[in-house]
Amino acid sequence: MAGVFFALMVIAYLVFLIDWKELRDVLAQGGWASVVVYGIVGVLIAITLASPSAGPVMHH
């Protein structure tokens, strides 16, 4: 289940958060570092959202 959630989060990140026109322009100018940054940020967001300790947990 975690794998499915992770895959959906990656797809949602790619569809909704990346400015594709700007990315294509940057890549055309040789800016491959931006692809690495987009990838790292996307993976970190997905890991944070999928981790069980992402929210506050209180025990009484």
N, C-alpha and C. Protein backbone atom coordinates (compact mmCIF):
# COMPACT_ATOMS: atom_id res chain seq x y z
N MET A 1 0.82 -1.19 0.00
CA MET A 1 0.00 0.00 0.00
C MET A 1 0.87 1.26 0.00
N ALA A 2 1.97 1.21 0.72
CA ALA A 2 2.85 2.37 0.77
C ALA A 2 3.45 2.65 -0.61
N GLY A 3 3.74 1.59 -1.35
CA GLY A 3 4.29 1.77 -2.70
C GLY A 3 3.30 2.45 -3.63
N VAL A 4 2.04 2.07 -3.53
CA VAL A 4 1.00 2.69 -4.36
C VAL A 4 0.85 4.16 -3.99
N PHE A 5 0.84 4.44 -2.69
CA PHE A 5 0.73 5.82 -2.24
C PHE A 5 1.92 6.64 -2.71
N PHE A 6 3.11 6.08 -2.61
CA PHE A 6 4.32 6.75 -3.06
C PHE A 6 4.24 7.06 -4.56
N ALA A 7 3.81 6.08 -5.35
CA ALA A 7 3.70 6.27 -6.79
C ALA A 7 2.67 7.36 -7.12
N LEU A 8 1.54 7.37 -6.42
CA LEU A 8 0.53 8.41 -6.65
C LEU A 8 1.04 9.79 -6.28
N MET A 9 1.81 9.87 -5.22
CA MET A 9 2.37 11.16 -4.82
C MET A 9 3.38 11.66 -5.84
N VAL A 10 4.19 10.77 -6.39
CA VAL A 10 5.16 11.17 -7.41
C VAL A 10 4.43 11.66 -8.66
N ILE A 11 3.40 10.94 -9.06
CA ILE A 11 2.63 11.36 -10.23
C ILE A 11 1.95 12.70 -9.99
N ALA A 12 1.37 12.89 -8.81
CA ALA A 12 0.72 14.16 -8.49
C ALA A 12 1.73 15.30 -8.49
N TYR A 13 2.92 15.04 -7.96
CA TYR A 13 3.96 16.06 -7.97
C TYR A 13 4.34 16.44 -9.40
N LEU A 14 4.53 15.45 -10.24
CA LEU A 14 4.92 15.72 -11.61
C LEU A 14 3.84 16.47 -12.38
N VAL A 15 2.59 16.15 -12.12
CA VAL A 15 1.49 16.76 -12.88
C VAL A 15 1.18 18.16 -12.37
N PHE A 16 1.11 18.34 -11.05
CA PHE A 16 0.59 19.59 -10.51
C PHE A 16 1.64 20.63 -10.13
N LEU A 17 2.85 20.23 -9.78
CA LEU A 17 3.78 21.18 -9.20
C LEU A 17 4.93 21.60 -10.11
N ILE A 18 5.16 20.91 -11.20
CA ILE A 18 6.27 21.28 -12.07
C ILE A 18 5.78 22.19 -13.18
N ASP A 19 6.47 23.29 -13.35
CA ASP A 19 6.19 24.21 -14.46
C ASP A 19 6.93 23.68 -15.68
N TRP A 20 6.23 22.94 -16.52
CA TRP A 20 6.86 22.21 -17.62
C TRP A 20 7.48 23.14 -18.66
N LYS A 21 6.85 24.30 -18.93
CA LYS A 21 7.41 25.24 -19.91
C LYS A 21 8.77 25.75 -19.44
N GLU A 22 8.83 26.13 -18.17
CA GLU A 22 10.10 26.63 -17.63
C GLU A 22 11.15 25.52 -17.61
N LEU A 23 10.75 24.32 -17.25
CA LEU A 23 11.69 23.21 -17.21
C LEU A 23 12.26 22.92 -18.59
N ARG A 24 11.42 22.93 -19.62
CA ARG A 24 11.90 22.70 -20.98
C ARG A 24 12.88 23.78 -21.42
N ASP A 25 12.59 25.04 -21.06
CA ASP A 25 13.50 26.14 -21.41
C ASP A 25 14.85 25.98 -20.71
N VAL A 26 14.82 25.62 -19.45
CA VAL A 26 16.06 25.45 -18.70
C VAL A 26 16.87 24.28 -19.25
N LEU A 27 16.19 23.18 -19.56
CA LEU A 27 16.90 22.02 -20.11
C LEU A 27 17.48 22.33 -21.48
N ALA A 28 16.79 23.14 -22.26
CA ALA A 28 17.31 23.50 -23.57
C ALA A 28 18.59 24.32 -23.45
N GLN A 29 18.75 25.01 -22.33
CA GLN A 29 19.95 25.80 -22.10
C GLN A 29 21.02 25.01 -21.36
N GLY A 30 20.78 23.74 -21.10
CA GLY A 30 21.77 22.88 -20.46
C GLY A 30 21.68 22.83 -18.95
N GLY A 31 20.55 23.17 -18.38
CA GLY A 31 20.41 23.19 -16.92
C GLY A 31 19.92 21.88 -16.34
N TRP A 32 20.73 20.84 -16.45
CA TRP A 32 20.33 19.53 -15.94
C TRP A 32 20.30 19.48 -14.42
N ALA A 33 20.94 20.41 -13.75
CA ALA A 33 20.91 20.43 -12.28
C ALA A 33 19.49 20.66 -11.78
N SER A 34 18.68 21.38 -12.56
CA SER A 34 17.30 21.60 -12.14
C SER A 34 16.50 20.30 -12.11
N VAL A 35 16.81 19.38 -13.00
CA VAL A 35 16.13 18.08 -12.98
C VAL A 35 16.47 17.34 -11.69
N VAL A 36 17.72 17.41 -11.29
CA VAL A 36 18.14 16.75 -10.05
C VAL A 36 17.44 17.38 -8.85
N VAL A 37 17.36 18.70 -8.82
CA VAL A 37 16.69 19.39 -7.71
C VAL A 37 15.22 19.03 -7.67
N TYR A 38 14.54 19.07 -8.83
CA TYR A 38 13.13 18.69 -8.87
C TYR A 38 12.95 17.25 -8.36
N GLY A 39 13.82 16.35 -8.77
CA GLY A 39 13.72 14.95 -8.34
C GLY A 39 13.93 14.79 -6.86
N ILE A 40 14.95 15.45 -6.31
CA ILE A 40 15.24 15.33 -4.88
C ILE A 40 14.10 15.90 -4.05
N VAL A 41 13.61 17.07 -4.44
CA VAL A 41 12.50 17.68 -3.70
C VAL A 41 11.25 16.78 -3.76
N GLY A 42 10.97 16.23 -4.92
CA GLY A 42 9.81 15.34 -5.05
C GLY A 42 9.92 14.11 -4.19
N VAL A 43 11.10 13.50 -4.16
CA VAL A 43 11.30 12.31 -3.33
C VAL A 43 11.18 12.67 -1.85
N LEU A 44 11.75 13.78 -1.44
CA LEU A 44 11.66 14.19 -0.03
C LEU A 44 10.22 14.48 0.38
N ILE A 45 9.45 15.12 -0.48
CA ILE A 45 8.03 15.37 -0.18
C ILE A 45 7.28 14.06 -0.05
N ALA A 46 7.51 13.13 -0.96
CA ALA A 46 6.82 11.84 -0.91
C ALA A 46 7.20 11.05 0.33
N ILE A 47 8.47 11.05 0.70
CA ILE A 47 8.90 10.33 1.90
C ILE A 47 8.27 10.95 3.15
N THR A 48 8.25 12.27 3.20
CA THR A 48 7.67 12.95 4.36
C THR A 48 6.19 12.65 4.50
N LEU A 49 5.47 12.68 3.41
CA LEU A 49 4.03 12.43 3.46
C LEU A 49 3.71 10.97 3.73
N ALA A 50 4.56 10.07 3.30
CA ALA A 50 4.29 8.65 3.48
C ALA A 50 4.77 8.13 4.83
N SER A 51 5.59 8.88 5.55
CA SER A 51 6.10 8.39 6.82
C SER A 51 5.02 8.44 7.90
N PRO A 52 4.99 7.44 8.76
CA PRO A 52 3.96 7.42 9.80
C PRO A 52 4.14 8.51 10.84
N SER A 53 5.31 9.08 10.96
CA SER A 53 5.54 10.11 11.96
C SER A 53 5.40 11.51 11.38
N ALA A 54 4.68 11.66 10.28
CA ALA A 54 4.55 12.96 9.63
C ALA A 54 3.68 13.92 10.43
N GLY A 55 2.75 13.39 11.21
CA GLY A 55 1.86 14.24 11.97
C GLY A 55 2.16 14.18 13.45
N PRO A 56 1.59 15.12 14.20
CA PRO A 56 1.82 15.09 15.65
C PRO A 56 1.11 13.90 16.30
N VAL A 57 1.84 13.23 17.14
CA VAL A 57 1.28 12.05 17.84
C VAL A 57 1.36 12.32 19.32
N MET A 58 0.24 12.18 19.99
CA MET A 58 0.20 12.41 21.45
C MET A 58 -0.34 11.17 22.14
N HIS A 59 0.34 10.75 23.18
CA HIS A 59 -0.12 9.61 23.98
C HIS A 59 -0.44 10.11 25.38
N HIS A 60 -1.56 9.64 25.90
CA HIS A 60 -1.95 10.06 27.24
C HIS A 60 -1.82 8.92 28.19
